[in-house]
Amino acid sequence: MTWIYAALKFAVYSGWCWVGLRALRPQETPSARAALGLGLLRLSMGLGFGVLIWFLASFVAVQIVRSEPLIYLMVYVPVRWVEWGIIEGLLVRDSGPSGFLWGHSGGARGWRVRGIVVSCLADIPVIVSMGGLPLGRFMC
């Protein structure tokens, strides 16, 4: 299941990066190579941030709440905001620090929010196969 999940995430992230290339760089013709490269980068970030997510999820579970869906939202959504913000920063080259934090524009913010939704939807196969939310590294 791990390789299938990784392949699914890679496909979903690459597709969403293609959408980002079209939406955030309308003056350029998007390439599949760029979308695949950004998708691979986004997948790699998910794995890298996975350790942080594991610690945050553990802290939130012990210190704040005991509800797995609430932990998922409290931890994964902000981390994914950062992850998609990094991708947005690569797509919108002049975004700067405020663009990274809040989004370069309303359209970029909307793309980032929908990217979070896409990421969460791509988790559904693992959630279903595990019989619940397996909070931790591989859900990034």
Protein backbone atom coordinates (compact mmCIF):
# COMPACT_ATOMS: atom_id res chain seq x y z
CA MET A 1 0.00 0.00 0.00
CA THR A 2 2.86 2.41 0.70
CA TRP A 3 4.07 2.51 -2.92
CA ILE A 4 0.54 2.80 -4.26
CA TYR A 5 -0.14 5.65 -1.85
CA ALA A 6 3.11 7.39 -2.83
CA ALA A 7 2.27 7.00 -6.54
CA LEU A 8 -1.23 8.37 -5.93
CA LYS A 9 0.15 11.35 -4.02
CA PHE A 10 2.76 11.99 -6.72
CA ALA A 11 0.09 11.94 -9.43
CA VAL A 12 -2.26 14.19 -7.45
CA TYR A 13 0.49 16.65 -6.51
CA SER A 14 1.84 16.77 -10.07
CA GLY A 15 -1.66 17.40 -11.38
CA TRP A 16 -2.23 20.17 -8.87
CA CYS A 17 1.15 21.71 -9.75
CA TRP A 18 0.06 21.66 -13.41
CA VAL A 19 -3.03 23.63 -12.36
CA GLY A 20 -0.76 26.02 -10.45
CA LEU A 21 1.51 26.50 -13.44
CA ARG A 22 -1.50 27.39 -15.58
CA ALA A 23 -3.14 29.63 -12.95
CA LEU A 24 -0.13 31.38 -11.42
CA ARG A 25 1.99 31.67 -14.56
CA PRO A 26 -0.61 32.45 -17.21
CA GLN A 27 1.99 34.08 -19.45
CA GLU A 28 3.88 30.78 -19.82
CA THR A 29 2.91 27.48 -21.40
CA PRO A 30 3.05 24.88 -18.63
CA SER A 31 5.17 21.82 -19.22
CA ALA A 32 4.53 18.32 -17.95
CA ARG A 33 8.18 18.15 -16.90
CA ALA A 34 7.83 21.21 -14.65
CA ALA A 35 4.60 19.86 -13.15
CA LEU A 36 6.19 16.46 -12.49
CA GLY A 37 9.27 18.10 -10.94
CA LEU A 38 7.15 20.26 -8.66
CA GLY A 39 4.97 17.24 -7.82
CA LEU A 40 8.07 15.28 -6.82
CA LEU A 41 9.29 18.22 -4.74
CA ARG A 42 5.90 18.46 -3.01
CA LEU A 43 5.91 14.72 -2.31
CA SER A 44 9.43 15.00 -0.88
CA MET A 45 8.37 17.90 1.32
CA GLY A 46 5.53 15.77 2.66
CA LEU A 47 7.99 13.08 3.64
CA GLY A 48 10.38 15.60 5.16
CA PHE A 49 7.71 17.47 7.08
CA GLY A 50 6.34 14.11 8.19
CA VAL A 51 8.64 14.01 11.19
CA LEU A 52 7.43 17.45 12.26
CA ILE A 53 3.84 16.34 11.76
CA TRP A 54 4.39 13.25 13.89
CA PHE A 55 5.71 15.41 16.75
CA LEU A 56 2.95 18.00 16.37
CA ALA A 57 0.22 15.36 16.19
CA SER A 58 1.62 13.66 19.27
CA PHE A 59 1.79 16.96 21.18
CA VAL A 60 -1.71 18.02 20.15
CA ALA A 61 -3.09 14.58 21.05
CA VAL A 62 -1.54 14.63 24.51
CA GLN A 63 -1.82 18.32 25.40
CA ILE A 64 -4.87 19.70 23.62
CA VAL A 65 -7.44 17.34 22.14
CA ARG A 66 -8.13 13.65 21.83
CA SER A 67 -10.23 13.73 18.65
CA GLU A 68 -8.33 12.27 15.70
CA PRO A 69 -10.24 14.29 13.06
CA LEU A 70 -9.60 17.50 14.99
CA ILE A 71 -5.90 16.62 15.41
CA TYR A 72 -5.70 15.94 11.68
CA LEU A 73 -7.15 19.38 10.88
CA MET A 74 -5.11 21.23 13.51
CA VAL A 75 -1.81 19.72 12.37
CA TYR A 76 -2.08 18.83 8.70
CA VAL A 77 -3.84 21.94 7.42
CA PRO A 78 -1.22 24.46 8.70
CA VAL A 79 1.70 22.26 7.61
CA ARG A 80 0.15 21.84 4.18
CA TRP A 81 -0.35 25.62 4.00
CA VAL A 82 3.42 25.94 4.39
CA GLU A 83 4.16 23.13 1.91
CA TRP A 84 1.91 24.56 -0.78
CA GLY A 85 3.29 28.02 0.06
CA ILE A 86 6.76 26.80 -0.84
CA ILE A 87 5.44 25.54 -4.18
CA GLU A 88 3.58 28.82 -4.68
CA GLY A 89 6.81 30.70 -4.01
CA LEU A 90 8.46 28.75 -6.81
CA LEU A 91 5.56 29.48 -9.14
CA VAL A 92 5.21 33.18 -8.29
CA ARG A 93 8.80 34.28 -8.33
CA ASP A 94 8.27 37.76 -6.87
CA SER A 95 6.03 36.74 -3.97
CA GLY A 96 8.43 37.62 -1.12
CA PRO A 97 7.93 36.85 2.59
CA SER A 98 4.39 38.23 2.84
CA GLY A 99 3.44 36.24 -0.25
CA PHE A 100 4.76 33.13 1.42
CA LEU A 101 2.82 33.72 4.62
CA TRP A 102 -0.49 34.94 3.20
CA GLY A 103 -0.35 34.10 -0.48
CA HIS A 104 0.82 36.32 -3.30
CA SER A 105 -2.72 37.19 -4.38
CA GLY A 106 -6.29 36.12 -3.86
CA GLY A 107 -5.95 33.68 -6.72
CA ALA A 108 -2.76 32.23 -5.27
CA ARG A 109 -4.37 31.88 -1.84
CA GLY A 110 -7.33 30.11 -3.41
CA TRP A 111 -4.98 27.77 -5.29
CA ARG A 112 -3.13 27.02 -2.04
CA VAL A 113 -6.35 26.36 -0.09
CA ARG A 114 -7.62 24.05 -2.82
CA GLY A 115 -4.21 22.33 -2.77
CA ILE A 116 -4.77 21.58 0.91
CA VAL A 117 -8.17 20.11 0.06
CA VAL A 118 -6.61 18.03 -2.74
CA SER A 119 -3.94 16.77 -0.31
CA CYS A 120 -6.56 15.79 2.25
CA LEU A 121 -8.70 14.05 -0.37
CA ALA A 122 -5.66 12.08 -1.52
CA ASP A 123 -5.38 10.76 2.06
CA ILE A 124 -8.80 9.09 1.87
CA PRO A 125 -7.56 5.76 0.42
CA VAL A 126 -5.13 5.32 3.33
CA ILE A 127 -7.70 6.44 5.88
CA VAL A 128 -10.18 3.89 4.51
CA SER A 129 -7.63 1.08 4.23
CA MET A 130 -6.39 1.69 7.80
CA GLY A 131 -9.90 1.96 9.22
CA GLY A 132 -9.30 5.47 10.54
CA LEU A 133 -6.80 8.27 10.71
CA PRO A 134 -3.29 6.85 11.03
CA LEU A 135 -1.76 10.15 12.13
CA GLY A 136 1.92 10.31 11.36
CA ARG A 137 4.66 10.52 8.82
CA PHE A 138 3.22 8.83 5.75
CA MET A 139 0.09 10.99 5.61
CA CYS A 140 1.87 14.12 4.32
